[in-house]
Amino acid sequence: MDTGLIVRIIFGLVTLLWPLVILWNRYLHSSLMKNCEAVEDLRLEMAKDYVSNTQLDKYFSQMEKRFDRLEAKIDLKE
């Protein structure tokens, strides 16, 4: 086979395949963006469902009590 023929065949295959590669990349990018939006929406929904204001207030009051006990222990050591 002539090297020119091989080069033309390879060039022809590349010119036929590059639109498919670009379309595939575009599809992957759009799928990735949809998945990112879905994950973000899920995070927001979980935050709303699992942490209410009363639970948050209870958590902060527990943390405040723990810090007070820790502060009292530190004061006793001094």
C-alpha atoms as a PDB file:
ATOM      1  CA  MET A   1       0.000   0.000   0.000  1.00  0.00           C
ATOM      2  CA  ASP A   2       1.047   3.497  -0.690  1.00  0.00           C
ATOM      3  CA  THR A   3       1.732   5.705   2.352  1.00  0.00           C
ATOM      4  CA  GLY A   4      -0.352   8.471   0.808  1.00  0.00           C
ATOM      5  CA  LEU A   5      -3.353   6.152   0.690  1.00  0.00           C
ATOM      6  CA  ILE A   6      -2.900   5.191   4.340  1.00  0.00           C
ATOM      7  CA  VAL A   7      -2.677   8.865   5.323  1.00  0.00           C
ATOM      8  CA  ARG A   8      -5.847   9.650   3.360  1.00  0.00           C
ATOM      9  CA  ILE A   9      -7.708   6.735   4.990  1.00  0.00           C
ATOM     10  CA  ILE A  10      -6.645   7.843   8.466  1.00  0.00           C
ATOM     11  CA  PHE A  11      -7.565  11.456   7.692  1.00  0.00           C
ATOM     12  CA  GLY A  12     -10.956  10.314   6.373  1.00  0.00           C
ATOM     13  CA  LEU A  13     -11.656   8.295   9.508  1.00  0.00           C
ATOM     14  CA  VAL A  14     -10.666  11.198  11.738  1.00  0.00           C
ATOM     15  CA  THR A  15     -12.925  13.600   9.850  1.00  0.00           C
ATOM     16  CA  LEU A  16     -15.833  11.166  10.245  1.00  0.00           C
ATOM     17  CA  LEU A  17     -15.248  10.457  13.931  1.00  0.00           C
ATOM     18  CA  TRP A  18     -14.550  13.908  15.401  1.00  0.00           C
ATOM     19  CA  PRO A  19     -18.228  15.004  15.357  1.00  0.00           C
ATOM     20  CA  LEU A  20     -19.116  11.870  17.320  1.00  0.00           C
ATOM     21  CA  VAL A  21     -16.427  12.620  19.867  1.00  0.00           C
ATOM     22  CA  ILE A  22     -17.645  16.196  20.269  1.00  0.00           C
ATOM     23  CA  LEU A  23     -21.263  15.064  20.650  1.00  0.00           C
ATOM     24  CA  TRP A  24     -20.239  12.460  23.236  1.00  0.00           C
ATOM     25  CA  ASN A  25     -18.318  15.087  25.234  1.00  0.00           C
ATOM     26  CA  ARG A  26     -21.279  17.457  25.077  1.00  0.00           C
ATOM     27  CA  TYR A  27     -23.575  14.682  26.328  1.00  0.00           C
ATOM     28  CA  LEU A  28     -21.207  13.848  29.196  1.00  0.00           C
ATOM     29  CA  HIS A  29     -20.933  17.513  30.162  1.00  0.00           C
ATOM     30  CA  SER A  30     -24.704  18.023  30.225  1.00  0.00           C
ATOM     31  CA  SER A  31     -25.161  14.833  32.260  1.00  0.00           C
ATOM     32  CA  LEU A  32     -22.542  16.005  34.729  1.00  0.00           C
ATOM     33  CA  MET A  33     -24.235  19.381  35.118  1.00  0.00           C
ATOM     34  CA  LYS A  34     -27.631  17.733  35.714  1.00  0.00           C
ATOM     35  CA  ASN A  35     -26.112  15.450  38.327  1.00  0.00           C
ATOM     36  CA  CYS A  36     -24.419  18.366  40.078  1.00  0.00           C
ATOM     37  CA  GLU A  37     -27.719  20.248  40.239  1.00  0.00           C
ATOM     38  CA  ALA A  38     -29.495  17.150  41.567  1.00  0.00           C
ATOM     39  CA  VAL A  39     -26.897  16.695  44.300  1.00  0.00           C
ATOM     40  CA  GLU A  40     -27.144  20.363  45.266  1.00  0.00           C
ATOM     41  CA  ASP A  41     -30.932  20.150  45.456  1.00  0.00           C
ATOM     42  CA  LEU A  42     -30.682  17.011  47.569  1.00  0.00           C
ATOM     43  CA  ARG A  43     -28.292  18.719  49.973  1.00  0.00           C
ATOM     44  CA  LEU A  44     -30.719  21.595  50.431  1.00  0.00           C
ATOM     45  CA  GLU A  45     -33.644  19.241  51.005  1.00  0.00           C
ATOM     46  CA  MET A  46     -31.702  17.191  53.529  1.00  0.00           C
ATOM     47  CA  ALA A  47     -30.651  20.313  55.369  1.00  0.00           C
ATOM     48  CA  LYS A  48     -34.267  21.438  55.605  1.00  0.00           C
ATOM     49  CA  ASP A  49     -35.579  18.037  56.654  1.00  0.00           C
ATOM     50  CA  TYR A  50     -32.993  16.911  59.162  1.00  0.00           C
ATOM     51  CA  VAL A  51     -32.079  20.098  60.969  1.00  0.00           C
ATOM     52  CA  SER A  52     -34.986  22.042  62.322  1.00  0.00           C
ATOM     53  CA  ASN A  53     -34.633  25.125  64.449  1.00  0.00           C
ATOM     54  CA  THR A  54     -35.566  23.291  67.659  1.00  0.00           C
ATOM     55  CA  GLN A  55     -32.954  20.615  67.009  1.00  0.00           C
ATOM     56  CA  LEU A  56     -30.362  23.265  66.286  1.00  0.00           C
ATOM     57  CA  ASP A  57     -31.228  25.171  69.466  1.00  0.00           C
ATOM     58  CA  LYS A  58     -30.972  21.949  71.460  1.00  0.00           C
ATOM     59  CA  TYR A  59     -27.594  21.172  69.899  1.00  0.00           C
ATOM     60  CA  PHE A  60     -26.249  24.637  70.684  1.00  0.00           C
ATOM     61  CA  SER A  61     -27.459  24.490  74.269  1.00  0.00           C
ATOM     62  CA  GLN A  62     -25.729  21.113  74.714  1.00  0.00           C
ATOM     63  CA  MET A  63     -22.524  22.521  73.271  1.00  0.00           C
ATOM     64  CA  GLU A  64     -22.800  25.537  75.561  1.00  0.00           C
ATOM     65  CA  LYS A  65     -23.145  23.255  78.601  1.00  0.00           C
ATOM     66  CA  ARG A  66     -20.109  21.258  77.495  1.00  0.00           C
ATOM     67  CA  PHE A  67     -18.021  24.394  77.094  1.00  0.00           C
ATOM     68  CA  ASP A  68     -19.150  25.609  80.513  1.00  0.00           C
ATOM     69  CA  ARG A  69     -18.068  22.313  82.096  1.00  0.00           C
ATOM     70  CA  LEU A  70     -14.768  22.449  80.253  1.00  0.00           C
ATOM     71  CA  GLU A  71     -14.224  26.028  81.388  1.00  0.00           C
ATOM     72  CA  ALA A  72     -14.975  25.032  84.993  1.00  0.00           C
ATOM     73  CA  LYS A  73     -12.437  22.187  84.790  1.00  0.00           C
ATOM     74  CA  ILE A  74      -9.803  24.528  83.379  1.00  0.00           C
ATOM     75  CA  ASP A  75     -10.506  27.074  86.126  1.00  0.00           C
ATOM     76  CA  LEU A  76     -10.108  24.389  88.807  1.00  0.00           C
ATOM     77  CA  LYS A  77      -6.683  23.418  87.494  1.00  0.00           C
ATOM     78  CA  GLU A  78      -5.426  26.988  87.704  1.00  0.00           C
END
